[in-house]
Amino acid sequence: MTVKEMRELDHRGGDGVEVRLLWSETDGELKVVVEDVKAGETFEVPASPENALDVFRHPFAYRPAAAPA
């Protein structure tokens, strides 16, 4: 398995939440990674060039639905 290297394009944090916008130079993949330290959760949201900044600014609006228990 090959680990893809991703470049951080932007980062912001506050109140225990870190948000990073990542881009793969190899295949152009964009994603936003959110780490909520208070909730102990981390999630990723795929993005496209058209919506990457909106996903970065409002990642919880794009958060994937939790799988049913």
PDB file of N, CA and C in Angstrom:
ATOM      1  N   MET A   1       0.842  -1.178   0.000  1.00  0.00           N
ATOM      2  CA  MET A   1       0.000   0.000   0.000  1.00  0.00           C
ATOM      3  C   MET A   1       0.888   1.242   0.000  1.00  0.00           C
ATOM      4  N   THR A   2       0.569   2.200  -0.851  1.00  0.00           N
ATOM      5  CA  THR A   2       1.327   3.432  -0.940  1.00  0.00           C
ATOM      6  C   THR A   2       0.613   4.529  -0.163  1.00  0.00           C
ATOM      7  N   VAL A   3       1.360   5.254   0.650  1.00  0.00           N
ATOM      8  CA  VAL A   3       0.801   6.380   1.385  1.00  0.00           C
ATOM      9  C   VAL A   3       0.980   7.627   0.532  1.00  0.00           C
ATOM     10  N   LYS A   4      -0.132   8.306   0.291  1.00  0.00           N
ATOM     11  CA  LYS A   4      -0.100   9.488  -0.547  1.00  0.00           C
ATOM     12  C   LYS A   4       0.326  10.699   0.282  1.00  0.00           C
ATOM     13  N   GLU A   5       1.262  11.463  -0.255  1.00  0.00           N
ATOM     14  CA  GLU A   5       1.703  12.677   0.419  1.00  0.00           C
ATOM     15  C   GLU A   5       0.756  13.808   0.040  1.00  0.00           C
ATOM     16  N   MET A   6       0.285  14.526   1.060  1.00  0.00           N
ATOM     17  CA  MET A   6      -0.630  15.633   0.826  1.00  0.00           C
ATOM     18  C   MET A   6      -0.013  16.910   1.378  1.00  0.00           C
ATOM     19  N   ARG A   7      -0.209  17.973   0.657  1.00  0.00           N
ATOM     20  CA  ARG A   7       0.332  19.280   1.031  1.00  0.00           C
ATOM     21  C   ARG A   7      -0.761  20.098   1.715  1.00  0.00           C
ATOM     22  N   GLU A   8      -0.416  20.731   2.832  1.00  0.00           N
ATOM     23  CA  GLU A   8      -1.372  21.577   3.548  1.00  0.00           C
ATOM     24  C   GLU A   8      -1.463  22.930   2.850  1.00  0.00           C
ATOM     25  N   LEU A   9      -2.661  23.264   2.373  1.00  0.00           N
ATOM     26  CA  LEU A   9      -2.883  24.543   1.711  1.00  0.00           C
ATOM     27  C   LEU A   9      -3.331  25.625   2.684  1.00  0.00           C
ATOM     28  N   ASP A  10      -4.053  25.201   3.724  1.00  0.00           N
ATOM     29  CA  ASP A  10      -4.524  26.171   4.720  1.00  0.00           C
ATOM     30  C   ASP A  10      -4.803  25.432   6.014  1.00  0.00           C
ATOM     31  N   HIS A  11      -4.799  26.183   7.110  1.00  0.00           N
ATOM     32  CA  HIS A  11      -5.010  25.613   8.439  1.00  0.00           C
ATOM     33  C   HIS A  11      -5.615  26.689   9.318  1.00  0.00           C
ATOM     34  N   ARG A  12      -6.543  26.283  10.156  1.00  0.00           N
ATOM     35  CA  ARG A  12      -7.070  27.209  11.160  1.00  0.00           C
ATOM     36  C   ARG A  12      -7.465  26.391  12.378  1.00  0.00           C
ATOM     37  N   GLY A  13      -7.499  27.059  13.504  1.00  0.00           N
ATOM     38  CA  GLY A  13      -7.861  26.365  14.723  1.00  0.00           C
ATOM     39  C   GLY A  13      -8.364  27.322  15.771  1.00  0.00           C
ATOM     40  N   GLY A  14      -9.128  26.783  16.682  1.00  0.00           N
ATOM     41  CA  GLY A  14      -9.635  27.550  17.803  1.00  0.00           C
ATOM     42  C   GLY A  14     -10.634  26.731  18.593  1.00  0.00           C
ATOM     43  N   ASP A  15     -10.689  26.966  19.881  1.00  0.00           N
ATOM     44  CA  ASP A  15     -11.632  26.313  20.776  1.00  0.00           C
ATOM     45  C   ASP A  15     -11.583  24.786  20.659  1.00  0.00           C
ATOM     46  N   GLY A  16     -10.398  24.250  20.454  1.00  0.00           N
ATOM     47  CA  GLY A  16     -10.223  22.808  20.418  1.00  0.00           C
ATOM     48  C   GLY A  16     -10.524  22.153  19.083  1.00  0.00           C
ATOM     49  N   VAL A  17     -10.779  22.958  18.035  1.00  0.00           N
ATOM     50  CA  VAL A  17     -11.068  22.407  16.713  1.00  0.00           C
ATOM     51  C   VAL A  17      -9.981  22.856  15.745  1.00  0.00           C
ATOM     52  N   GLU A  18      -9.350  21.880  15.082  1.00  0.00           N
ATOM     53  CA  GLU A  18      -8.324  22.156  14.077  1.00  0.00           C
ATOM     54  C   GLU A  18      -8.880  21.741  12.716  1.00  0.00           C
ATOM     55  N   VAL A  19      -8.748  22.623  11.722  1.00  0.00           N
ATOM     56  CA  VAL A  19      -9.250  22.357  10.379  1.00  0.00           C
ATOM     57  C   VAL A  19      -8.097  22.549   9.402  1.00  0.00           C
ATOM     58  N   ARG A  20      -7.881  21.533   8.543  1.00  0.00           N
ATOM     59  CA  ARG A  20      -6.789  21.594   7.564  1.00  0.00           C
ATOM     60  C   ARG A  20      -7.328  21.293   6.168  1.00  0.00           C
ATOM     61  N   LEU A  21      -6.908  22.099   5.201  1.00  0.00           N
ATOM     62  CA  LEU A  21      -7.225  21.867   3.801  1.00  0.00           C
ATOM     63  C   LEU A  21      -5.995  21.231   3.166  1.00  0.00           C
ATOM     64  N   LEU A  22      -6.159  20.012   2.638  1.00  0.00           N
ATOM     65  CA  LEU A  22      -5.035  19.258   2.094  1.00  0.00           C
ATOM     66  C   LEU A  22      -5.243  18.997   0.608  1.00  0.00           C
ATOM     67  N   TRP A  23      -4.117  18.934  -0.126  1.00  0.00           N
ATOM     68  CA  TRP A  23      -4.132  18.720  -1.574  1.00  0.00           C
ATOM     69  C   TRP A  23      -3.031  17.756  -1.953  1.00  0.00           C
ATOM     70  N   SER A  24      -3.360  16.832  -2.847  1.00  0.00           N
ATOM     71  CA  SER A  24      -2.375  15.890  -3.372  1.00  0.00           C
ATOM     72  C   SER A  24      -1.898  16.388  -4.729  1.00  0.00           C
ATOM     73  N   GLU A  25      -0.625  16.686  -4.821  1.00  0.00           N
ATOM     74  CA  GLU A  25      -0.039  17.121  -6.086  1.00  0.00           C
ATOM     75  C   GLU A  25      -0.064  15.981  -7.112  1.00  0.00           C
ATOM     76  N   THR A  26      -0.015  14.749  -6.630  1.00  0.00           N
ATOM     77  CA  THR A  26       0.025  13.579  -7.500  1.00  0.00           C
ATOM     78  C   THR A  26      -1.256  13.417  -8.317  1.00  0.00           C
ATOM     79  N   ASP A  27      -2.407  13.469  -7.635  1.00  0.00           N
ATOM     80  CA  ASP A  27      -3.666  13.214  -8.349  1.00  0.00           C
ATOM     81  C   ASP A  27      -4.697  14.336  -8.211  1.00  0.00           C
ATOM     82  N   GLY A  28      -4.340  15.425  -7.530  1.00  0.00           N
ATOM     83  CA  GLY A  28      -5.242  16.569  -7.425  1.00  0.00           C
ATOM     84  C   GLY A  28      -6.320  16.436  -6.371  1.00  0.00           C
ATOM     85  N   GLU A  29      -6.290  15.355  -5.578  1.00  0.00           N
ATOM     86  CA  GLU A  29      -7.307  15.174  -4.542  1.00  0.00           C
ATOM     87  C   GLU A  29      -7.257  16.328  -3.540  1.00  0.00           C
ATOM     88  N   LEU A  30      -8.437  16.818  -3.167  1.00  0.00           N
ATOM     89  CA  LEU A  30      -8.580  17.824  -2.123  1.00  0.00           C
ATOM     90  C   LEU A  30      -9.428  17.242  -1.003  1.00  0.00           C
ATOM     91  N   LYS A  31      -9.063  17.524   0.224  1.00  0.00           N
ATOM     92  CA  LYS A  31      -9.895  17.110   1.348  1.00  0.00           C
ATOM     93  C   LYS A  31      -9.672  18.048   2.520  1.00  0.00           C
ATOM     94  N   VAL A  32     -10.664  18.099   3.382  1.00  0.00           N
ATOM     95  CA  VAL A  32     -10.584  18.874   4.608  1.00  0.00           C
ATOM     96  C   VAL A  32     -10.601  17.877   5.758  1.00  0.00           C
ATOM     97  N   VAL A  33      -9.645  18.022   6.661  1.00  0.00           N
ATOM     98  CA  VAL A  33      -9.547  17.153   7.831  1.00  0.00           C
ATOM     99  C   VAL A  33      -9.845  18.000   9.065  1.00  0.00           C
ATOM    100  N   VAL A  34     -10.781  17.508   9.877  1.00  0.00           N
ATOM    101  CA  VAL A  34     -11.204  18.230  11.082  1.00  0.00           C
ATOM    102  C   VAL A  34     -10.894  17.365  12.289  1.00  0.00           C
ATOM    103  N   GLU A  35     -10.225  17.955  13.268  1.00  0.00           N
ATOM    104  CA  GLU A  35      -9.969  17.280  14.541  1.00  0.00           C
ATOM    105  C   GLU A  35     -10.618  18.106  15.641  1.00  0.00           C
ATOM    106  N   ASP A  36     -11.608  17.513  16.300  1.00  0.00           N
ATOM    107  CA  ASP A  36     -12.310  18.160  17.408  1.00  0.00           C
ATOM    108  C   ASP A  36     -11.797  17.518  18.691  1.00  0.00           C
ATOM    109  N   VAL A  37     -10.869  18.202  19.340  1.00  0.00           N
ATOM    110  CA  VAL A  37     -10.214  17.654  20.529  1.00  0.00           C
ATOM    111  C   VAL A  37     -11.217  17.462  21.662  1.00  0.00           C
ATOM    112  N   LYS A  38     -12.130  18.404  21.848  1.00  0.00           N
ATOM    113  CA  LYS A  38     -13.112  18.312  22.938  1.00  0.00           C
ATOM    114  C   LYS A  38     -14.017  17.093  22.772  1.00  0.00           C
ATOM    115  N   ALA A  39     -14.455  16.839  21.556  1.00  0.00           N
ATOM    116  CA  ALA A  39     -15.351  15.705  21.293  1.00  0.00           C
ATOM    117  C   ALA A  39     -14.573  14.411  21.073  1.00  0.00           C
ATOM    118  N   GLY A  40     -13.245  14.520  20.879  1.00  0.00           N
ATOM    119  CA  GLY A  40     -12.435  13.341  20.617  1.00  0.00           C
ATOM    120  C   GLY A  40     -12.729  12.722  19.264  1.00  0.00           C
ATOM    121  N   GLU A  41     -13.064  13.557  18.289  1.00  0.00           N
ATOM    122  CA  GLU A  41     -13.429  13.072  16.963  1.00  0.00           C
ATOM    123  C   GLU A  41     -12.547  13.685  15.886  1.00  0.00           C
ATOM    124  N   THR A  42     -12.327  12.902  14.853  1.00  0.00           N
ATOM    125  CA  THR A  42     -11.643  13.366  13.657  1.00  0.00           C
ATOM    126  C   THR A  42     -12.454  12.878  12.467  1.00  0.00           C
ATOM    127  N   PHE A  43     -12.629  13.744  11.469  1.00  0.00           N
ATOM    128  CA  PHE A  43     -13.297  13.309  10.247  1.00  0.00           C
ATOM    129  C   PHE A  43     -12.717  14.037   9.054  1.00  0.00           C
ATOM    130  N   GLU A  44     -12.929  13.438   7.880  1.00  0.00           N
ATOM    131  CA  GLU A  44     -12.451  14.002   6.620  1.00  0.00           C
ATOM    132  C   GLU A  44     -13.637  14.264   5.715  1.00  0.00           C
ATOM    133  N   VAL A  45     -13.529  15.326   4.926  1.00  0.00           N
ATOM    134  CA  VAL A  45     -14.555  15.652   3.952  1.00  0.00           C
ATOM    135  C   VAL A  45     -13.880  15.825   2.596  1.00  0.00           C
ATOM    136  N   PRO A  46     -14.270  15.027   1.590  1.00  0.00           N
ATOM    137  CA  PRO A  46     -13.712  15.245   0.261  1.00  0.00           C
ATOM    138  C   PRO A  46     -14.180  16.582  -0.279  1.00  0.00           C
ATOM    139  N   ALA A  47     -13.346  17.215  -1.082  1.00  0.00           N
ATOM    140  CA  ALA A  47     -13.688  18.515  -1.657  1.00  0.00           C
ATOM    141  C   ALA A  47     -13.297  18.523  -3.123  1.00  0.00           C
ATOM    142  N   SER A  48     -13.846  19.474  -3.839  1.00  0.00           N
ATOM    143  CA  SER A  48     -13.493  19.680  -5.238  1.00  0.00           C
ATOM    144  C   SER A  48     -12.924  21.089  -5.363  1.00  0.00           C
ATOM    145  N   PRO A  49     -12.275  21.399  -6.472  1.00  0.00           N
ATOM    146  CA  PRO A  49     -11.757  22.762  -6.627  1.00  0.00           C
ATOM    147  C   PRO A  49     -12.865  23.817  -6.511  1.00  0.00           C
ATOM    148  N   GLU A  50     -14.078  23.445  -6.915  1.00  0.00           N
ATOM    149  CA  GLU A  50     -15.187  24.399  -6.888  1.00  0.00           C
ATOM    150  C   GLU A  50     -15.699  24.688  -5.481  1.00  0.00           C
ATOM    151  N   ASN A  51     -15.588  23.728  -4.557  1.00  0.00           N
ATOM    152  CA  ASN A  51     -16.157  23.957  -3.223  1.00  0.00           C
ATOM    153  C   ASN A  51     -15.147  23.847  -2.083  1.00  0.00           C
ATOM    154  N   ALA A  52     -13.866  23.738  -2.386  1.00  0.00           N
ATOM    155  CA  ALA A  52     -12.852  23.489  -1.343  1.00  0.00           C
ATOM    156  C   ALA A  52     -12.844  24.559  -0.261  1.00  0.00           C
ATOM    157  N   LEU A  53     -12.926  25.822  -0.637  1.00  0.00           N
ATOM    158  CA  LEU A  53     -12.906  26.878   0.382  1.00  0.00           C
ATOM    159  C   LEU A  53     -14.168  26.868   1.228  1.00  0.00           C
ATOM    160  N   ASP A  54     -15.311  26.566   0.628  1.00  0.00           N
ATOM    161  CA  ASP A  54     -16.545  26.496   1.406  1.00  0.00           C
ATOM    162  C   ASP A  54     -16.494  25.335   2.387  1.00  0.00           C
ATOM    163  N   VAL A  55     -15.981  24.189   1.943  1.00  0.00           N
ATOM    164  CA  VAL A  55     -15.829  23.040   2.839  1.00  0.00           C
ATOM    165  C   VAL A  55     -14.863  23.389   3.964  1.00  0.00           C
ATOM    166  N   PHE A  56     -13.780  24.082   3.646  1.00  0.00           N
ATOM    167  CA  PHE A  56     -12.797  24.484   4.661  1.00  0.00           C
ATOM    168  C   PHE A  56     -13.433  25.436   5.680  1.00  0.00           C
ATOM    169  N   ARG A  57     -14.238  26.372   5.210  1.00  0.00           N
ATOM    170  CA  ARG A  57     -14.857  27.358   6.109  1.00  0.00           C
ATOM    171  C   ARG A  57     -16.011  26.783   6.923  1.00  0.00           C
ATOM    172  N   HIS A  58     -16.717  25.804   6.374  1.00  0.00           N
ATOM    173  CA  HIS A  58     -17.911  25.242   7.023  1.00  0.00           C
ATOM    174  C   HIS A  58     -17.890  23.714   7.010  1.00  0.00           C
ATOM    175  N   PRO A  59     -16.858  23.092   7.567  1.00  0.00           N
ATOM    176  CA  PRO A  59     -16.730  21.634   7.437  1.00  0.00           C
ATOM    177  C   PRO A  59     -17.854  20.847   8.102  1.00  0.00           C
ATOM    178  N   PHE A  60     -18.442  21.384   9.160  1.00  0.00           N
ATOM    179  CA  PHE A  60     -19.500  20.630   9.845  1.00  0.00           C
ATOM    180  C   PHE A  60     -20.762  20.548   8.998  1.00  0.00           C
ATOM    181  N   ALA A  61     -20.954  21.486   8.078  1.00  0.00           N
ATOM    182  CA  ALA A  61     -22.095  21.428   7.159  1.00  0.00           C
ATOM    183  C   ALA A  61     -21.917  20.312   6.133  1.00  0.00           C
ATOM    184  N   TYR A  62     -20.680  19.932   5.873  1.00  0.00           N
ATOM    185  CA  TYR A  62     -20.364  18.902   4.881  1.00  0.00           C
ATOM    186  C   TYR A  62     -20.018  17.560   5.531  1.00  0.00           C
ATOM    187  N   ARG A  63     -20.049  17.515   6.836  1.00  0.00           N
ATOM    188  CA  ARG A  63     -19.644  16.305   7.568  1.00  0.00           C
ATOM    189  C   ARG A  63     -20.452  15.101   7.108  1.00  0.00           C
ATOM    190  N   PRO A  64     -19.781  13.987   6.855  1.00  0.00           N
ATOM    191  CA  PRO A  64     -20.508  12.770   6.460  1.00  0.00           C
ATOM    192  C   PRO A  64     -21.437  12.304   7.584  1.00  0.00           C
ATOM    193  N   ALA A  65     -22.567  11.767   7.202  1.00  0.00           N
ATOM    194  CA  ALA A  65     -23.503  11.240   8.194  1.00  0.00           C
ATOM    195  C   ALA A  65     -22.884  10.037   8.910  1.00  0.00           C
ATOM    196  N   ALA A  66     -23.172   9.927  10.181  1.00  0.00           N
ATOM    197  CA  ALA A  66     -22.658   8.796  10.960  1.00  0.00           C
ATOM    198  C   ALA A  66     -23.350   7.517  10.516  1.00  0.00           C
ATOM    199  N   ALA A  67     -22.601   6.456  10.495  1.00  0.00           N
ATOM    200  CA  ALA A  67     -23.165   5.153  10.128  1.00  0.00           C
ATOM    201  C   ALA A  67     -24.107   4.686  11.226  1.00  0.00           C
ATOM    202  N   PRO A  68     -25.229   4.061  10.854  1.00  0.00           N
ATOM    203  CA  PRO A  68     -26.154   3.560  11.885  1.00  0.00           C
ATOM    204  C   PRO A  68     -25.491   2.495  12.751  1.00  0.00           C
ATOM    205  N   ALA A  69     -25.860   2.467  14.009  1.00  0.00           N
ATOM    206  CA  ALA A  69     -25.269   1.509  14.957  1.00  0.00           C
ATOM    207  C   ALA A  69     -25.797   0.118  14.720  1.00  0.00           C
TER     208      ALA A  69
END
